[in-house]
Amino acid sequence: TQSTWGLVSHQGFNLSNSCCVFLLPSSSTPTYLLTMANPSFVVNAFQQKVDAMVQHITVASLPLQKKSFQCCVQCFDKTPTDPEAVNRCIASCQQSAQEFGAHVGREMQTLQNNVQSCQELCFNKFSLPFKGAKDDGERNKIQSEMEQCSAACFTKFEPAVTDIKTRLDDYIKRNL
């Protein structure tokens, strides 16, 4: 897995230090996007925890993938002269791995949605006061409060990363 940083902005706010985190997926890795303001210790710690969880799940799912591939190879031995039967057998073998991929995708999407919703609340809370600020000092103070609120979203949802890891580990164990 690989992470890259890109800029985002919100109308009115000077978020030159803001960024998005993208997990660039392989064909079997879920995609997620986490929008954040003021990359700081909290944000970096959250990202590291997500990266570690994804790495753990990638390794932990190898036996599930192996089981799927071994099943696929056996399909050729079961009905070596019936291509349709081989294809049906392969599709059946791949079902568990595909379901796992979909499960990972749903978990990561939920995490992304939760963090983004929290941050949208922060932005909405501070947007109007920012627009009504009388001077740069007041705008800087409001922007700092918005960034702190946004960073707090990562602290709020950090326990979810451990919960996701546990649920995915359990899923793998049940399907081996």
Protein backbone atom coordinates (compact mmCIF):
# COMPACT_ATOMS: atom_id res chain seq x y z
CA THR A 1 0.00 0.00 0.00
CA GLN A 2 1.12 3.52 -0.67
CA SER A 3 -0.10 6.89 0.64
CA THR A 4 0.16 10.19 -1.17
CA TRP A 5 -0.79 13.69 -0.08
CA GLY A 6 -2.83 16.17 -2.12
CA LEU A 7 -4.24 19.60 -1.31
CA VAL A 8 -7.87 20.43 -0.59
CA SER A 9 -9.44 23.75 0.20
CA HIS A 10 -12.69 25.11 1.55
CA GLN A 11 -14.13 28.41 0.37
CA GLY A 12 -12.94 31.25 2.59
CA PHE A 13 -10.53 29.28 4.73
CA ASN A 14 -6.80 29.40 4.13
CA LEU A 15 -6.09 25.72 4.30
CA SER A 16 -2.71 25.70 2.59
CA ASN A 17 -1.54 23.10 5.10
CA SER A 18 -4.63 20.93 4.59
CA CYS A 19 -4.51 17.71 2.72
CA CYS A 20 -6.17 14.48 1.76
CA VAL A 21 -4.80 11.02 2.34
CA PHE A 22 -5.37 8.51 -0.43
CA LEU A 23 -4.59 4.85 -0.11
CA LEU A 24 -3.72 3.90 -3.66
CA PRO A 25 -5.15 0.41 -4.04
CA SER A 26 -4.06 -2.71 -5.76
CA SER A 27 -6.98 -4.52 -7.36
CA SER A 28 -7.87 -6.19 -4.04
CA THR A 29 -7.16 -3.32 -1.64
CA PRO A 30 -10.00 -1.02 -0.57
CA THR A 31 -9.82 2.66 -1.43
CA TYR A 32 -10.45 5.27 1.15
CA LEU A 33 -10.16 9.00 1.38
CA LEU A 34 -9.77 10.89 4.61
CA THR A 35 -10.06 14.66 4.41
CA MET A 36 -8.25 16.52 7.17
CA ALA A 37 -7.22 19.99 8.23
CA ASN A 38 -3.89 20.95 9.82
CA PRO A 39 -1.85 17.76 9.53
CA SER A 40 -0.51 17.33 13.04
CA PHE A 41 0.58 14.67 15.45
CA VAL A 42 -3.01 13.45 15.88
CA VAL A 43 -3.60 13.20 12.15
CA ASN A 44 -0.26 11.51 11.49
CA ALA A 45 -0.84 9.05 14.33
CA PHE A 46 -4.27 8.22 12.92
CA GLN A 47 -2.83 7.69 9.44
CA GLN A 48 -0.08 5.46 10.82
CA LYS A 49 -2.64 3.40 12.70
CA VAL A 50 -4.76 2.99 9.56
CA ASP A 51 -1.68 2.08 7.50
CA ALA A 52 -0.61 -0.50 10.10
CA MET A 53 -4.10 -1.98 10.19
CA VAL A 54 -4.24 -2.25 6.38
CA GLN A 55 -0.80 -3.89 6.32
CA HIS A 56 -1.84 -6.34 9.05
CA ILE A 57 -5.07 -7.27 7.25
CA THR A 58 -3.24 -7.65 3.95
CA VAL A 59 -0.86 -10.18 5.52
CA ALA A 60 -3.56 -11.86 7.62
CA SER A 61 -5.71 -12.41 4.52
CA LEU A 62 -2.98 -14.27 2.62
CA PRO A 63 -4.18 -17.70 3.83
CA LEU A 64 -7.71 -16.82 2.67
CA GLN A 65 -6.33 -15.88 -0.74
CA LYS A 66 -4.22 -19.04 -0.83
CA LYS A 67 -7.28 -21.17 -0.03
CA SER A 68 -9.16 -19.51 -2.88
CA PHE A 69 -6.34 -20.09 -5.38
CA GLN A 70 -5.86 -23.71 -4.31
CA CYS A 71 -9.57 -24.30 -4.76
CA CYS A 72 -9.37 -22.76 -8.25
CA VAL A 73 -6.51 -25.08 -9.25
CA GLN A 74 -8.52 -28.09 -8.08
CA CYS A 75 -11.36 -27.05 -10.39
CA PHE A 76 -9.24 -28.11 -13.36
CA ASP A 77 -8.80 -31.58 -11.90
CA LYS A 78 -12.50 -32.06 -11.07
CA THR A 79 -13.85 -31.48 -14.58
CA PRO A 80 -10.89 -31.17 -16.96
CA THR A 81 -12.98 -31.45 -20.12
CA ASP A 82 -15.89 -29.15 -19.22
CA PRO A 83 -14.89 -25.45 -19.48
CA GLU A 84 -18.26 -24.24 -18.16
CA ALA A 85 -18.00 -26.45 -15.09
CA VAL A 86 -14.43 -25.23 -14.49
CA ASN A 87 -15.62 -21.62 -14.72
CA ARG A 88 -18.50 -22.26 -12.30
CA CYS A 89 -16.13 -23.98 -9.90
CA ILE A 90 -13.65 -21.08 -10.07
CA ALA A 91 -16.41 -18.55 -9.48
CA SER A 92 -17.47 -20.51 -6.41
CA CYS A 93 -13.88 -20.66 -5.13
CA GLN A 94 -13.44 -16.91 -5.50
CA GLN A 95 -16.67 -16.01 -3.71
CA SER A 96 -15.22 -15.93 -0.19
CA ALA A 97 -12.26 -13.75 -1.20
CA GLN A 98 -14.58 -11.39 -3.10
CA GLU A 99 -16.92 -11.14 -0.13
CA PHE A 100 -13.95 -10.35 2.10
CA GLY A 101 -12.84 -7.58 -0.28
CA ALA A 102 -16.34 -6.11 -0.24
CA HIS A 103 -16.41 -6.34 3.57
CA VAL A 104 -13.08 -4.48 3.81
CA GLY A 105 -14.39 -1.84 1.41
CA ARG A 106 -17.53 -1.29 3.52
CA GLU A 107 -15.50 -0.99 6.72
CA MET A 108 -13.13 1.56 5.20
CA GLN A 109 -15.97 3.51 3.59
CA THR A 110 -17.76 3.74 6.93
CA LEU A 111 -14.59 5.03 8.60
CA GLN A 112 -14.11 7.58 5.82
CA ASN A 113 -17.72 8.73 6.04
CA ASN A 114 -17.56 9.10 9.81
CA VAL A 115 -14.40 11.21 9.74
CA GLN A 116 -15.65 13.33 6.85
CA SER A 117 -19.04 13.94 8.51
CA CYS A 118 -17.31 15.02 11.70
CA GLN A 119 -15.06 17.39 9.78
CA GLU A 120 -17.98 18.81 7.82
CA LEU A 121 -19.64 19.65 11.14
CA CYS A 122 -16.47 21.47 12.17
CA PHE A 123 -16.34 23.38 8.90
CA ASN A 124 -20.01 24.32 9.14
CA LYS A 125 -19.63 25.39 12.76
CA PHE A 126 -16.82 27.82 11.95
CA SER A 127 -17.68 28.90 8.40
CA LEU A 128 -20.13 31.66 9.28
CA PRO A 129 -18.02 33.13 12.12
CA PHE A 130 -15.01 33.10 9.78
CA LYS A 131 -16.90 35.04 7.12
CA GLY A 132 -18.04 37.55 9.75
CA ALA A 133 -14.59 38.03 11.29
CA LYS A 134 -13.52 41.67 11.54
CA ASP A 135 -9.79 41.24 11.00
CA ASP A 136 -7.02 38.76 10.21
CA GLY A 137 -6.38 38.08 13.89
CA GLU A 138 -9.95 37.00 14.45
CA ARG A 139 -9.94 34.94 11.22
CA ASN A 140 -6.69 33.22 12.27
CA LYS A 141 -8.19 32.38 15.67
CA ILE A 142 -11.35 30.96 14.08
CA GLN A 143 -9.31 29.00 11.55
CA SER A 144 -7.18 27.56 14.34
CA GLU A 145 -10.31 26.49 16.24
CA MET A 146 -11.70 24.89 13.08
CA GLU A 147 -8.45 22.99 12.54
CA GLN A 148 -8.45 21.80 16.18
CA CYS A 149 -12.05 20.66 15.80
CA SER A 150 -11.17 18.85 12.59
CA ALA A 151 -8.13 17.16 14.16
CA ALA A 152 -10.32 16.05 17.08
CA CYS A 153 -12.34 14.00 14.58
CA PHE A 154 -9.33 11.71 14.18
CA THR A 155 -9.06 11.23 17.93
CA LYS A 156 -12.78 10.50 18.09
CA PHE A 157 -12.62 7.80 15.43
CA GLU A 158 -9.20 6.32 16.23
CA PRO A 159 -10.75 3.49 18.31
CA ALA A 160 -12.74 2.49 15.21
CA VAL A 161 -9.50 1.46 13.49
CA THR A 162 -8.85 -1.18 16.17
CA ASP A 163 -12.49 -2.29 15.98
CA ILE A 164 -12.23 -2.67 12.19
CA LYS A 165 -9.02 -4.70 12.54
CA THR A 166 -10.72 -7.01 15.06
CA ARG A 167 -13.80 -7.49 12.88
CA LEU A 168 -11.69 -8.22 9.78
CA ASP A 169 -9.46 -10.65 11.69
CA ASP A 170 -12.60 -12.44 12.92
CA TYR A 171 -13.98 -12.57 9.37
CA ILE A 172 -10.74 -14.13 8.10
CA LYS A 173 -10.76 -16.76 10.88
CA ARG A 174 -14.38 -17.70 10.19
CA ASN A 175 -13.67 -18.18 6.49
CA LEU A 176 -10.50 -20.25 6.63
